[in-house]
């Protein structure tokens, strides 16, 4: 892993928060697209909207089921504004991610 630049705002987050952002940046978060690369038994579809691929970009920028939450917590695109921004914005991104993952888990339970 590359060392942090002196002006990298991720350095002001907790270790757990840094880990989450560090997984979102290269698309290694536990979303269906990444999990499918590890184990092909995982379907690629988004459990919230049934989009073809559940990726970091889809979750943070495009999933229609998360539009209201996105408007409250995330800036307009590009994704660099979301994952490489101020410490406050990184915290909002983390809040969005955890709330979205909670909604995703609820949607998955309804399918079971």
PDB file of N, CA and C in Angstrom:
ATOM      1  N   UNK A   1       0.844  -1.181   0.000  1.00  0.00           N
ATOM      2  CA  UNK A   1       0.000   0.000   0.000  1.00  0.00           C
ATOM      3  C   UNK A   1       0.884   1.238   0.000  1.00  0.00           C
ATOM      4  N   UNK A   2       0.503   2.235  -0.782  1.00  0.00           N
ATOM      5  CA  UNK A   2       1.269   3.469  -0.830  1.00  0.00           C
ATOM      6  C   UNK A   2       1.131   4.226   0.475  1.00  0.00           C
ATOM      7  N   UNK A   3       2.175   4.970   0.823  1.00  0.00           N
ATOM      8  CA  UNK A   3       2.094   5.776   2.041  1.00  0.00           C
ATOM      9  C   UNK A   3       1.197   6.987   1.790  1.00  0.00           C
ATOM     10  N   UNK A   4       0.642   7.516   2.865  1.00  0.00           N
ATOM     11  CA  UNK A   4      -0.267   8.653   2.750  1.00  0.00           C
ATOM     12  C   UNK A   4       0.507   9.921   2.436  1.00  0.00           C
ATOM     13  N   UNK A   5      -0.088  10.750   1.606  1.00  0.00           N
ATOM     14  CA  UNK A   5       0.491  12.054   1.327  1.00  0.00           C
ATOM     15  C   UNK A   5       0.194  12.957   2.522  1.00  0.00           C
ATOM     16  N   UNK A   6       1.041  13.951   2.793  1.00  0.00           N
ATOM     17  CA  UNK A   6       0.809  14.818   3.957  1.00  0.00           C
ATOM     18  C   UNK A   6      -0.550  15.500   3.968  1.00  0.00           C
ATOM     19  N   UNK A   7      -1.112  15.778   2.800  1.00  0.00           N
ATOM     20  CA  UNK A   7      -2.410  16.473   2.757  1.00  0.00           C
ATOM     21  C   UNK A   7      -3.576  15.511   2.560  1.00  0.00           C
ATOM     22  N   UNK A   8      -3.360  14.228   2.716  1.00  0.00           N
ATOM     23  CA  UNK A   8      -4.422  13.223   2.544  1.00  0.00           C
ATOM     24  C   UNK A   8      -5.347  13.279   3.756  1.00  0.00           C
ATOM     25  N   UNK A   9      -6.622  13.596   3.529  1.00  0.00           N
ATOM     26  CA  UNK A   9      -7.571  13.789   4.622  1.00  0.00           C
ATOM     27  C   UNK A   9      -7.984  12.494   5.305  1.00  0.00           C
ATOM     28  N   UNK A  10      -7.711  11.364   4.693  1.00  0.00           N
ATOM     29  CA  UNK A  10      -8.058  10.082   5.302  1.00  0.00           C
ATOM     30  C   UNK A  10      -7.270   9.868   6.596  1.00  0.00           C
ATOM     31  N   UNK A  11      -6.153  10.528   6.734  1.00  0.00           N
ATOM     32  CA  UNK A  11      -5.305  10.350   7.925  1.00  0.00           C
ATOM     33  C   UNK A  11      -6.008  10.797   9.214  1.00  0.00           C
ATOM     34  N   UNK A  12      -7.041  11.604   9.104  1.00  0.00           N
ATOM     35  CA  UNK A  12      -7.748  12.102  10.286  1.00  0.00           C
ATOM     36  C   UNK A  12      -8.913  11.204  10.701  1.00  0.00           C
ATOM     37  N   UNK A  13      -9.108  10.097  10.009  1.00  0.00           N
ATOM     38  CA  UNK A  13     -10.181   9.164  10.335  1.00  0.00           C
ATOM     39  C   UNK A  13      -9.667   8.087  11.277  1.00  0.00           C
ATOM     40  N   UNK A  14     -10.593   7.385  11.914  1.00  0.00           N
ATOM     41  CA  UNK A  14     -10.211   6.252  12.763  1.00  0.00           C
ATOM     42  C   UNK A  14      -9.692   5.122  11.878  1.00  0.00           C
ATOM     43  N   UNK A  15      -9.073   4.149  12.485  1.00  0.00           N
ATOM     44  CA  UNK A  15      -8.529   3.025  11.724  1.00  0.00           C
ATOM     45  C   UNK A  15      -9.634   2.272  10.971  1.00  0.00           C
ATOM     46  N   UNK A  16     -10.762   2.069  11.621  1.00  0.00           N
ATOM     47  CA  UNK A  16     -11.891   1.374  10.996  1.00  0.00           C
ATOM     48  C   UNK A  16     -12.421   2.180   9.805  1.00  0.00           C
ATOM     49  N   UNK A  17     -12.517   3.493   9.966  1.00  0.00           N
ATOM     50  CA  UNK A  17     -12.990   4.360   8.885  1.00  0.00           C
ATOM     51  C   UNK A  17     -12.008   4.350   7.707  1.00  0.00           C
ATOM     52  N   UNK A  18     -10.713   4.399   8.023  1.00  0.00           N
ATOM     53  CA  UNK A  18      -9.694   4.338   6.971  1.00  0.00           C
ATOM     54  C   UNK A  18      -9.803   3.039   6.184  1.00  0.00           C
ATOM     55  N   UNK A  19     -10.025   1.950   6.892  1.00  0.00           N
ATOM     56  CA  UNK A  19     -10.132   0.643   6.227  1.00  0.00           C
ATOM     57  C   UNK A  19     -11.310   0.628   5.265  1.00  0.00           C
ATOM     58  N   UNK A  20     -12.438   1.175   5.674  1.00  0.00           N
ATOM     59  CA  UNK A  20     -13.622   1.181   4.806  1.00  0.00           C
ATOM     60  C   UNK A  20     -13.379   2.018   3.557  1.00  0.00           C
ATOM     61  N   UNK A  21     -12.846   3.226   3.721  1.00  0.00           N
ATOM     62  CA  UNK A  21     -12.551   4.090   2.569  1.00  0.00           C
ATOM     63  C   UNK A  21     -11.517   3.410   1.673  1.00  0.00           C
ATOM     64  N   UNK A  22     -10.519   2.790   2.287  1.00  0.00           N
ATOM     65  CA  UNK A  22      -9.474   2.111   1.513  1.00  0.00           C
ATOM     66  C   UNK A  22     -10.016   0.914   0.745  1.00  0.00           C
ATOM     67  N   UNK A  23     -11.090   0.318   1.189  1.00  0.00           N
ATOM     68  CA  UNK A  23     -11.727  -0.774   0.448  1.00  0.00           C
ATOM     69  C   UNK A  23     -12.646  -0.245  -0.654  1.00  0.00           C
ATOM     70  N   UNK A  24     -13.280   0.887  -0.411  1.00  0.00           N
ATOM     71  CA  UNK A  24     -14.169   1.467  -1.420  1.00  0.00           C
ATOM     72  C   UNK A  24     -13.391   2.000  -2.626  1.00  0.00           C
ATOM     73  N   UNK A  25     -12.238   2.585  -2.392  1.00  0.00           N
ATOM     74  CA  UNK A  25     -11.482   3.216  -3.482  1.00  0.00           C
ATOM     75  C   UNK A  25     -11.134   2.233  -4.607  1.00  0.00           C
ATOM     76  N   UNK A  26     -10.573   1.061  -4.336  1.00  0.00           N
ATOM     77  CA  UNK A  26     -10.264   0.132  -5.441  1.00  0.00           C
ATOM     78  C   UNK A  26     -11.381  -0.885  -5.722  1.00  0.00           C
ATOM     79  N   UNK A  27     -12.570  -0.646  -5.203  1.00  0.00           N
ATOM     80  CA  UNK A  27     -13.738  -1.531  -5.370  1.00  0.00           C
ATOM     81  C   UNK A  27     -13.530  -2.890  -4.710  1.00  0.00           C
ATOM     82  N   UNK A  28     -12.952  -2.890  -3.509  1.00  0.00           N
ATOM     83  CA  UNK A  28     -12.781  -4.119  -2.748  1.00  0.00           C
ATOM     84  C   UNK A  28     -13.701  -4.180  -1.540  1.00  0.00           C
ATOM     85  N   UNK A  29     -14.747  -3.370  -1.558  1.00  0.00           N
ATOM     86  CA  UNK A  29     -15.749  -3.419  -0.495  1.00  0.00           C
ATOM     87  C   UNK A  29     -16.602  -4.675  -0.702  1.00  0.00           C
ATOM     88  N   UNK A  30     -17.248  -5.175   0.352  1.00  0.00           N
ATOM     89  CA  UNK A  30     -18.037  -6.406   0.213  1.00  0.00           C
ATOM     90  C   UNK A  30     -19.360  -6.194  -0.528  1.00  0.00           C
ATOM     91  N   UNK A  31     -19.235  -5.786  -1.775  1.00  0.00           N
ATOM     92  CA  UNK A  31     -20.386  -5.641  -2.653  1.00  0.00           C
ATOM     93  C   UNK A  31     -20.390  -6.818  -3.627  1.00  0.00           C
ATOM     94  N   UNK A  32     -21.527  -7.075  -4.241  1.00  0.00           N
ATOM     95  CA  UNK A  32     -21.706  -8.285  -5.053  1.00  0.00           C
ATOM     96  C   UNK A  32     -20.660  -8.437  -6.161  1.00  0.00           C
ATOM     97  N   UNK A  33     -20.281  -7.339  -6.808  1.00  0.00           N
ATOM     98  CA  UNK A  33     -19.307  -7.427  -7.897  1.00  0.00           C
ATOM     99  C   UNK A  33     -17.974  -7.979  -7.395  1.00  0.00           C
ATOM    100  N   UNK A  34     -17.507  -7.469  -6.278  1.00  0.00           N
ATOM    101  CA  UNK A  34     -16.241  -7.939  -5.706  1.00  0.00           C
ATOM    102  C   UNK A  34     -16.382  -9.358  -5.154  1.00  0.00           C
ATOM    103  N   UNK A  35     -17.469  -9.625  -4.457  1.00  0.00           N
ATOM    104  CA  UNK A  35     -17.673 -10.960  -3.893  1.00  0.00           C
ATOM    105  C   UNK A  35     -17.772 -12.023  -4.991  1.00  0.00           C
ATOM    106  N   UNK A  36     -18.339 -11.654  -6.132  1.00  0.00           N
ATOM    107  CA  UNK A  36     -18.446 -12.581  -7.253  1.00  0.00           C
ATOM    108  C   UNK A  36     -17.080 -12.912  -7.840  1.00  0.00           C
ATOM    109  N   UNK A  37     -16.162 -11.980  -7.791  1.00  0.00           N
ATOM    110  CA  UNK A  37     -14.805 -12.265  -8.280  1.00  0.00           C
ATOM    111  C   UNK A  37     -14.122 -13.288  -7.389  1.00  0.00           C
ATOM    112  N   UNK A  38     -14.453 -13.283  -6.104  1.00  0.00           N
ATOM    113  CA  UNK A  38     -13.866 -14.236  -5.160  1.00  0.00           C
ATOM    114  C   UNK A  38     -14.576 -15.581  -5.244  1.00  0.00           C
ATOM    115  N   UNK A  39     -15.906 -15.523  -5.295  1.00  0.00           N
ATOM    116  CA  UNK A  39     -16.717 -16.737  -5.331  1.00  0.00           C
ATOM    117  C   UNK A  39     -17.854 -16.538  -6.343  1.00  0.00           C
ATOM    118  N   UNK A  40     -17.777 -17.189  -7.499  1.00  0.00           N
ATOM    119  CA  UNK A  40     -18.780 -16.975  -8.553  1.00  0.00           C
ATOM    120  C   UNK A  40     -20.215 -17.341  -8.173  1.00  0.00           C
ATOM    121  N   UNK A  41     -20.424 -17.943  -7.020  1.00  0.00           N
ATOM    122  CA  UNK A  41     -21.788 -18.251  -6.601  1.00  0.00           C
ATOM    123  C   UNK A  41     -22.579 -16.996  -6.225  1.00  0.00           C
ATOM    124  N   UNK A  42     -21.871 -15.905  -5.906  1.00  0.00           N
ATOM    125  CA  UNK A  42     -22.568 -14.656  -5.584  1.00  0.00           C
ATOM    126  C   UNK A  42     -23.123 -14.053  -6.873  1.00  0.00           C
ATOM    127  N   UNK A  43     -24.405 -13.702  -6.902  1.00  0.00           N
ATOM    128  CA  UNK A  43     -24.943 -13.020  -8.086  1.00  0.00           C
ATOM    129  C   UNK A  43     -24.387 -11.598  -8.150  1.00  0.00           C
ATOM    130  N   UNK A  44     -24.302 -11.047  -9.328  1.00  0.00           N
ATOM    131  CA  UNK A  44     -23.736  -9.708  -9.530  1.00  0.00           C
ATOM    132  C   UNK A  44     -24.746  -8.586  -9.300  1.00  0.00           C
ATOM    133  N   UNK A  45     -26.029  -8.904  -9.298  1.00  0.00           N
ATOM    134  CA  UNK A  45     -27.074  -7.887  -9.268  1.00  0.00           C
ATOM    135  C   UNK A  45     -27.163  -7.150  -7.939  1.00  0.00           C
ATOM    136  N   UNK A  46     -27.548  -5.886  -8.029  1.00  0.00           N
ATOM    137  CA  UNK A  46     -27.791  -5.064  -6.845  1.00  0.00           C
ATOM    138  C   UNK A  46     -29.081  -5.551  -6.178  1.00  0.00           C
ATOM    139  N   UNK A  47     -29.038  -5.870  -4.881  1.00  0.00           N
ATOM    140  CA  UNK A  47     -30.250  -6.351  -4.209  1.00  0.00           C
ATOM    141  C   UNK A  47     -31.294  -5.261  -3.988  1.00  0.00           C
ATOM    142  N   UNK A  48     -30.905  -4.012  -4.115  1.00  0.00           N
ATOM    143  CA  UNK A  48     -31.859  -2.926  -3.913  1.00  0.00           C
ATOM    144  C   UNK A  48     -32.669  -2.619  -5.168  1.00  0.00           C
ATOM    145  N   UNK A  49     -31.999  -2.581  -6.330  1.00  0.00           N
ATOM    146  CA  UNK A  49     -32.698  -2.150  -7.544  1.00  0.00           C
ATOM    147  C   UNK A  49     -32.598  -3.153  -8.685  1.00  0.00           C
ATOM    148  N   UNK A  50     -31.931  -4.275  -8.447  1.00  0.00           N
ATOM    149  CA  UNK A  50     -31.739  -5.314  -9.468  1.00  0.00           C
ATOM    150  C   UNK A  50     -30.968  -4.842 -10.691  1.00  0.00           C
ATOM    151  N   UNK A  51     -30.123  -3.818 -10.524  1.00  0.00           N
ATOM    152  CA  UNK A  51     -29.219  -3.413 -11.595  1.00  0.00           C
ATOM    153  C   UNK A  51     -28.277  -4.567 -11.890  1.00  0.00           C
ATOM    154  N   UNK A  52     -27.714  -4.575 -13.075  1.00  0.00           N
ATOM    155  CA  UNK A  52     -26.880  -5.688 -13.512  1.00  0.00           C
ATOM    156  C   UNK A  52     -25.663  -5.916 -12.604  1.00  0.00           C
ATOM    157  N   UNK A  53     -24.997  -4.850 -12.144  1.00  0.00           N
ATOM    158  CA  UNK A  53     -23.794  -4.981 -11.318  1.00  0.00           C
ATOM    159  C   UNK A  53     -23.893  -4.114 -10.065  1.00  0.00           C
ATOM    160  N   UNK A  54     -23.614  -4.699  -8.911  1.00  0.00           N
ATOM    161  CA  UNK A  54     -23.514  -3.915  -7.683  1.00  0.00           C
ATOM    162  C   UNK A  54     -22.034  -3.621  -7.456  1.00  0.00           C
ATOM    163  N   UNK A  55     -21.623  -2.441  -7.876  1.00  0.00           N
ATOM    164  CA  UNK A  55     -20.242  -1.987  -7.729  1.00  0.00           C
ATOM    165  C   UNK A  55     -20.206  -0.784  -6.789  1.00  0.00           C
ATOM    166  N   UNK A  56     -19.018  -0.347  -6.449  1.00  0.00           N
ATOM    167  CA  UNK A  56     -18.868   0.860  -5.631  1.00  0.00           C
ATOM    168  C   UNK A  56     -19.487   2.055  -6.341  1.00  0.00           C
ATOM    169  N   UNK A  57     -19.191   2.208  -7.631  1.00  0.00           N
ATOM    170  CA  UNK A  57     -19.763   3.323  -8.398  1.00  0.00           C
ATOM    171  C   UNK A  57     -21.282   3.271  -8.407  1.00  0.00           C
ATOM    172  N   UNK A  58     -21.836   2.088  -8.606  1.00  0.00           N
ATOM    173  CA  UNK A  58     -23.298   1.955  -8.620  1.00  0.00           C
ATOM    174  C   UNK A  58     -23.878   2.363  -7.270  1.00  0.00           C
ATOM    175  N   UNK A  59     -23.306   1.843  -6.201  1.00  0.00           N
ATOM    176  CA  UNK A  59     -23.822   2.134  -4.865  1.00  0.00           C
ATOM    177  C   UNK A  59     -23.723   3.623  -4.545  1.00  0.00           C
ATOM    178  N   UNK A  60     -22.562   4.215  -4.789  1.00  0.00           N
ATOM    179  CA  UNK A  60     -22.344   5.606  -4.405  1.00  0.00           C
ATOM    180  C   UNK A  60     -22.977   6.623  -5.354  1.00  0.00           C
ATOM    181  N   UNK A  61     -23.132   6.264  -6.627  1.00  0.00           N
ATOM    182  CA  UNK A  61     -23.559   7.269  -7.601  1.00  0.00           C
ATOM    183  C   UNK A  61     -24.881   6.993  -8.318  1.00  0.00           C
ATOM    184  N   UNK A  62     -25.264   5.727  -8.487  1.00  0.00           N
ATOM    185  CA  UNK A  62     -26.341   5.448  -9.432  1.00  0.00           C
ATOM    186  C   UNK A  62     -27.560   4.701  -8.903  1.00  0.00           C
ATOM    187  N   UNK A  63     -27.470   3.995  -7.815  1.00  0.00           N
ATOM    188  CA  UNK A  63     -28.599   3.176  -7.363  1.00  0.00           C
ATOM    189  C   UNK A  63     -29.806   4.080  -7.077  1.00  0.00           C
ATOM    190  N   UNK A  64     -30.911   3.898  -7.818  1.00  0.00           N
ATOM    191  CA  UNK A  64     -32.067   4.784  -7.641  1.00  0.00           C
ATOM    192  C   UNK A  64     -32.723   4.657  -6.272  1.00  0.00           C
ATOM    193  N   UNK A  65     -32.577   3.528  -5.612  1.00  0.00           N
ATOM    194  CA  UNK A  65     -33.179   3.341  -4.293  1.00  0.00           C
ATOM    195  C   UNK A  65     -32.464   4.157  -3.216  1.00  0.00           C
ATOM    196  N   UNK A  66     -31.279   4.678  -3.531  1.00  0.00           N
ATOM    197  CA  UNK A  66     -30.513   5.457  -2.550  1.00  0.00           C
ATOM    198  C   UNK A  66     -30.463   6.940  -2.894  1.00  0.00           C
ATOM    199  N   UNK A  67     -31.294   7.396  -3.823  1.00  0.00           N
ATOM    200  CA  UNK A  67     -31.261   8.788  -4.263  1.00  0.00           C
ATOM    201  C   UNK A  67     -31.468   9.788  -3.128  1.00  0.00           C
ATOM    202  N   UNK A  68     -32.460   9.566  -2.272  1.00  0.00           N
ATOM    203  CA  UNK A  68     -32.728  10.517  -1.180  1.00  0.00           C
ATOM    204  C   UNK A  68     -31.558  10.589  -0.211  1.00  0.00           C
ATOM    205  N   UNK A  69     -31.027   9.457   0.145  1.00  0.00           N
ATOM    206  CA  UNK A  69     -29.875   9.404   1.045  1.00  0.00           C
ATOM    207  C   UNK A  69     -28.663  10.060   0.382  1.00  0.00           C
ATOM    208  N   UNK A  70     -28.486   9.829  -0.892  1.00  0.00           N
ATOM    209  CA  UNK A  70     -27.374  10.398  -1.645  1.00  0.00           C
ATOM    210  C   UNK A  70     -27.457  11.926  -1.653  1.00  0.00           C
ATOM    211  N   UNK A  71     -28.648  12.466  -1.852  1.00  0.00           N
ATOM    212  CA  UNK A  71     -28.828  13.920  -1.872  1.00  0.00           C
ATOM    213  C   UNK A  71     -28.445  14.549  -0.534  1.00  0.00           C
ATOM    214  N   UNK A  72     -28.705  13.838   0.560  1.00  0.00           N
ATOM    215  CA  UNK A  72     -28.415  14.367   1.885  1.00  0.00           C
ATOM    216  C   UNK A  72     -26.938  14.312   2.245  1.00  0.00           C
ATOM    217  N   UNK A  73     -26.230  13.288   1.781  1.00  0.00           N
ATOM    218  CA  UNK A  73     -24.880  13.043   2.294  1.00  0.00           C
ATOM    219  C   UNK A  73     -23.737  13.175   1.287  1.00  0.00           C
ATOM    220  N   UNK A  74     -24.011  13.028   0.005  1.00  0.00           N
ATOM    221  CA  UNK A  74     -22.920  12.996  -0.962  1.00  0.00           C
ATOM    222  C   UNK A  74     -22.973  14.182  -1.912  1.00  0.00           C
ATOM    223  N   UNK A  75     -21.796  14.680  -2.329  1.00  0.00           N
ATOM    224  CA  UNK A  75     -21.775  15.764  -3.312  1.00  0.00           C
ATOM    225  C   UNK A  75     -22.061  15.204  -4.697  1.00  0.00           C
ATOM    226  N   UNK A  76     -22.349  16.076  -5.650  1.00  0.00           N
ATOM    227  CA  UNK A  76     -22.529  15.588  -7.022  1.00  0.00           C
ATOM    228  C   UNK A  76     -21.256  14.892  -7.510  1.00  0.00           C
ATOM    229  N   UNK A  77     -21.398  14.109  -8.557  1.00  0.00           N
ATOM    230  CA  UNK A  77     -20.263  13.373  -9.113  1.00  0.00           C
ATOM    231  C   UNK A  77     -19.143  14.341  -9.482  1.00  0.00           C
ATOM    232  N   UNK A  78     -17.962  13.930  -9.665  1.00  0.00           N
ATOM    233  CA  UNK A  78     -17.397  12.600  -9.844  1.00  0.00           C
ATOM    234  C   UNK A  78     -17.097  11.896  -8.521  1.00  0.00           C
ATOM    235  N   UNK A  79     -16.755  10.651  -8.624  1.00  0.00           N
ATOM    236  CA  UNK A  79     -16.517   9.830  -7.439  1.00  0.00           C
ATOM    237  C   UNK A  79     -15.333  10.339  -6.629  1.00  0.00           C
ATOM    238  N   UNK A  80     -14.408  11.058  -7.264  1.00  0.00           N
ATOM    239  CA  UNK A  80     -13.279  11.608  -6.509  1.00  0.00           C
ATOM    240  C   UNK A  80     -13.764  12.608  -5.465  1.00  0.00           C
ATOM    241  N   UNK A  81     -14.902  13.267  -5.720  1.00  0.00           N
ATOM    242  CA  UNK A  81     -15.468  14.174  -4.714  1.00  0.00           C
ATOM    243  C   UNK A  81     -15.976  13.409  -3.503  1.00  0.00           C
ATOM    244  N   UNK A  82     -16.261  12.140  -3.685  1.00  0.00           N
ATOM    245  CA  UNK A  82     -16.829  11.328  -2.618  1.00  0.00           C
ATOM    246  C   UNK A  82     -15.760  10.575  -1.843  1.00  0.00           C
ATOM    247  N   UNK A  83     -14.758  10.047  -2.531  1.00  0.00           N
ATOM    248  CA  UNK A  83     -13.756   9.188  -1.892  1.00  0.00           C
ATOM    249  C   UNK A  83     -12.405   9.845  -1.653  1.00  0.00           C
ATOM    250  N   UNK A  84     -12.180  11.037  -2.206  1.00  0.00           N
ATOM    251  CA  UNK A  84     -10.899  11.734  -2.039  1.00  0.00           C
ATOM    252  C   UNK A  84     -11.158  13.194  -1.718  1.00  0.00           C
ATOM    253  N   UNK A  85     -11.886  13.454  -0.645  1.00  0.00           N
ATOM    254  CA  UNK A  85     -12.309  14.814  -0.354  1.00  0.00           C
ATOM    255  C   UNK A  85     -11.883  15.216   1.056  1.00  0.00           C
ATOM    256  N   UNK A  86     -12.599  16.180   1.602  1.00  0.00           N
ATOM    257  CA  UNK A  86     -12.313  16.649   2.952  1.00  0.00           C
ATOM    258  C   UNK A  86     -12.656  15.561   3.965  1.00  0.00           C
ATOM    259  N   UNK A  87     -12.146  15.704   5.160  1.00  0.00           N
ATOM    260  CA  UNK A  87     -12.432  14.739   6.217  1.00  0.00           C
ATOM    261  C   UNK A  87     -13.930  14.682   6.501  1.00  0.00           C
ATOM    262  N   UNK A  88     -14.595  15.826   6.518  1.00  0.00           N
ATOM    263  CA  UNK A  88     -16.043  15.850   6.755  1.00  0.00           C
ATOM    264  C   UNK A  88     -16.790  15.096   5.660  1.00  0.00           C
ATOM    265  N   UNK A  89     -16.372  15.278   4.403  1.00  0.00           N
ATOM    266  CA  UNK A  89     -17.040  14.570   3.321  1.00  0.00           C
ATOM    267  C   UNK A  89     -16.763  13.074   3.386  1.00  0.00           C
ATOM    268  N   UNK A  90     -15.557  12.693   3.769  1.00  0.00           N
ATOM    269  CA  UNK A  90     -15.256  11.269   3.922  1.00  0.00           C
ATOM    270  C   UNK A  90     -16.144  10.653   5.009  1.00  0.00           C
ATOM    271  N   UNK A  91     -16.380  11.392   6.078  1.00  0.00           N
ATOM    272  CA  UNK A  91     -17.265  10.898   7.141  1.00  0.00           C
ATOM    273  C   UNK A  91     -18.704  10.764   6.626  1.00  0.00           C
ATOM    274  N   UNK A  92     -19.145  11.713   5.799  1.00  0.00           N
ATOM    275  CA  UNK A  92     -20.475  11.599   5.192  1.00  0.00           C
ATOM    276  C   UNK A  92     -20.546  10.401   4.250  1.00  0.00           C
ATOM    277  N   UNK A  93     -19.475  10.154   3.520  1.00  0.00           N
ATOM    278  CA  UNK A  93     -19.424   8.987   2.635  1.00  0.00           C
ATOM    279  C   UNK A  93     -19.545   7.706   3.448  1.00  0.00           C
ATOM    280  N   UNK A  94     -18.843   7.650   4.570  1.00  0.00           N
ATOM    281  CA  UNK A  94     -18.923   6.483   5.452  1.00  0.00           C
ATOM    282  C   UNK A  94     -20.330   6.307   6.002  1.00  0.00           C
ATOM    283  N   UNK A  95     -20.958   7.404   6.401  1.00  0.00           N
ATOM    284  CA  UNK A  95     -22.333   7.353   6.909  1.00  0.00           C
ATOM    285  C   UNK A  95     -23.276   6.829   5.831  1.00  0.00           C
ATOM    286  N   UNK A  96     -23.130   7.348   4.608  1.00  0.00           N
ATOM    287  CA  UNK A  96     -23.939   6.892   3.484  1.00  0.00           C
ATOM    288  C   UNK A  96     -23.726   5.399   3.242  1.00  0.00           C
ATOM    289  N   UNK A  97     -22.475   4.975   3.212  1.00  0.00           N
ATOM    290  CA  UNK A  97     -22.148   3.576   2.938  1.00  0.00           C
ATOM    291  C   UNK A  97     -22.780   2.648   3.974  1.00  0.00           C
ATOM    292  N   UNK A  98     -22.637   2.997   5.248  1.00  0.00           N
ATOM    293  CA  UNK A  98     -23.185   2.133   6.300  1.00  0.00           C
ATOM    294  C   UNK A  98     -24.716   2.101   6.271  1.00  0.00           C
ATOM    295  N   UNK A  99     -25.338   3.241   5.988  1.00  0.00           N
ATOM    296  CA  UNK A  99     -26.795   3.265   5.885  1.00  0.00           C
ATOM    297  C   UNK A  99     -27.259   2.483   4.661  1.00  0.00           C
ATOM    298  N   UNK A 100     -26.541   2.613   3.547  1.00  0.00           N
ATOM    299  CA  UNK A 100     -26.884   1.874   2.329  1.00  0.00           C
ATOM    300  C   UNK A 100     -26.711   0.377   2.547  1.00  0.00           C
ATOM    301  N   UNK A 101     -25.657  -0.016   3.234  1.00  0.00           N
ATOM    302  CA  UNK A 101     -25.431  -1.438   3.487  1.00  0.00           C
ATOM    303  C   UNK A 101     -26.513  -1.998   4.416  1.00  0.00           C
ATOM    304  N   UNK A 102     -27.004  -1.186   5.324  1.00  0.00           N
ATOM    305  CA  UNK A 102     -28.106  -1.605   6.182  1.00  0.00           C
ATOM    306  C   UNK A 102     -29.376  -1.830   5.367  1.00  0.00           C
ATOM    307  N   UNK A 103     -29.663  -0.922   4.438  1.00  0.00           N
ATOM    308  CA  UNK A 103     -30.818  -1.082   3.550  1.00  0.00           C
ATOM    309  C   UNK A 103     -30.651  -2.276   2.636  1.00  0.00           C
ATOM    310  N   UNK A 104     -29.429  -2.503   2.213  1.00  0.00           N
ATOM    311  CA  UNK A 104     -29.125  -3.646   1.348  1.00  0.00           C
ATOM    312  C   UNK A 104     -29.366  -4.949   2.098  1.00  0.00           C
ATOM    313  N   UNK A 105     -28.971  -4.995   3.363  1.00  0.00           N
ATOM    314  CA  UNK A 105     -29.178  -6.197   4.176  1.00  0.00           C
ATOM    315  C   UNK A 105     -30.669  -6.456   4.375  1.00  0.00           C
ATOM    316  N   UNK A 106     -31.431  -5.402   4.615  1.00  0.00           N
ATOM    317  CA  UNK A 106     -32.880  -5.562   4.774  1.00  0.00           C
ATOM    318  C   UNK A 106     -33.521  -6.067   3.487  1.00  0.00           C
ATOM    319  N   UNK A 107     -33.082  -5.545   2.339  1.00  0.00           N
ATOM    320  CA  UNK A 107     -33.621  -5.993   1.066  1.00  0.00           C
ATOM    321  C   UNK A 107     -33.287  -7.455   0.826  1.00  0.00           C
ATOM    322  N   UNK A 108     -32.093  -7.855   1.210  1.00  0.00           N
ATOM    323  CA  UNK A 108     -31.674  -9.250   1.032  1.00  0.00           C
ATOM    324  C   UNK A 108     -32.515 -10.189   1.923  1.00  0.00           C
ATOM    325  N   UNK A 109     -32.814  -9.751   3.150  1.00  0.00           N
ATOM    326  CA  UNK A 109     -33.633 -10.566   4.066  1.00  0.00           C
ATOM    327  C   UNK A 109     -35.033 -10.774   3.499  1.00  0.00           C
ATOM    328  N   UNK A 110     -35.575  -9.754   2.823  1.00  0.00           N
ATOM    329  CA  UNK A 110     -36.907  -9.879   2.251  1.00  0.00           C
ATOM    330  C   UNK A 110     -36.931 -10.907   1.129  1.00  0.00           C
ATOM    331  N   UNK A 111     -35.800 -11.083   0.444  1.00  0.00           N
ATOM    332  CA  UNK A 111     -35.730 -12.054  -0.640  1.00  0.00           C
ATOM    333  C   UNK A 111     -35.607 -13.474  -0.146  1.00  0.00           C
ATOM    334  N   UNK A 112     -35.088 -13.643   1.065  1.00  0.00           N
ATOM    335  CA  UNK A 112     -34.887 -15.004   1.619  1.00  0.00           C
ATOM    336  C   UNK A 112     -36.172 -15.658   2.035  1.00  0.00           C
TER     337      UNK A 112
END
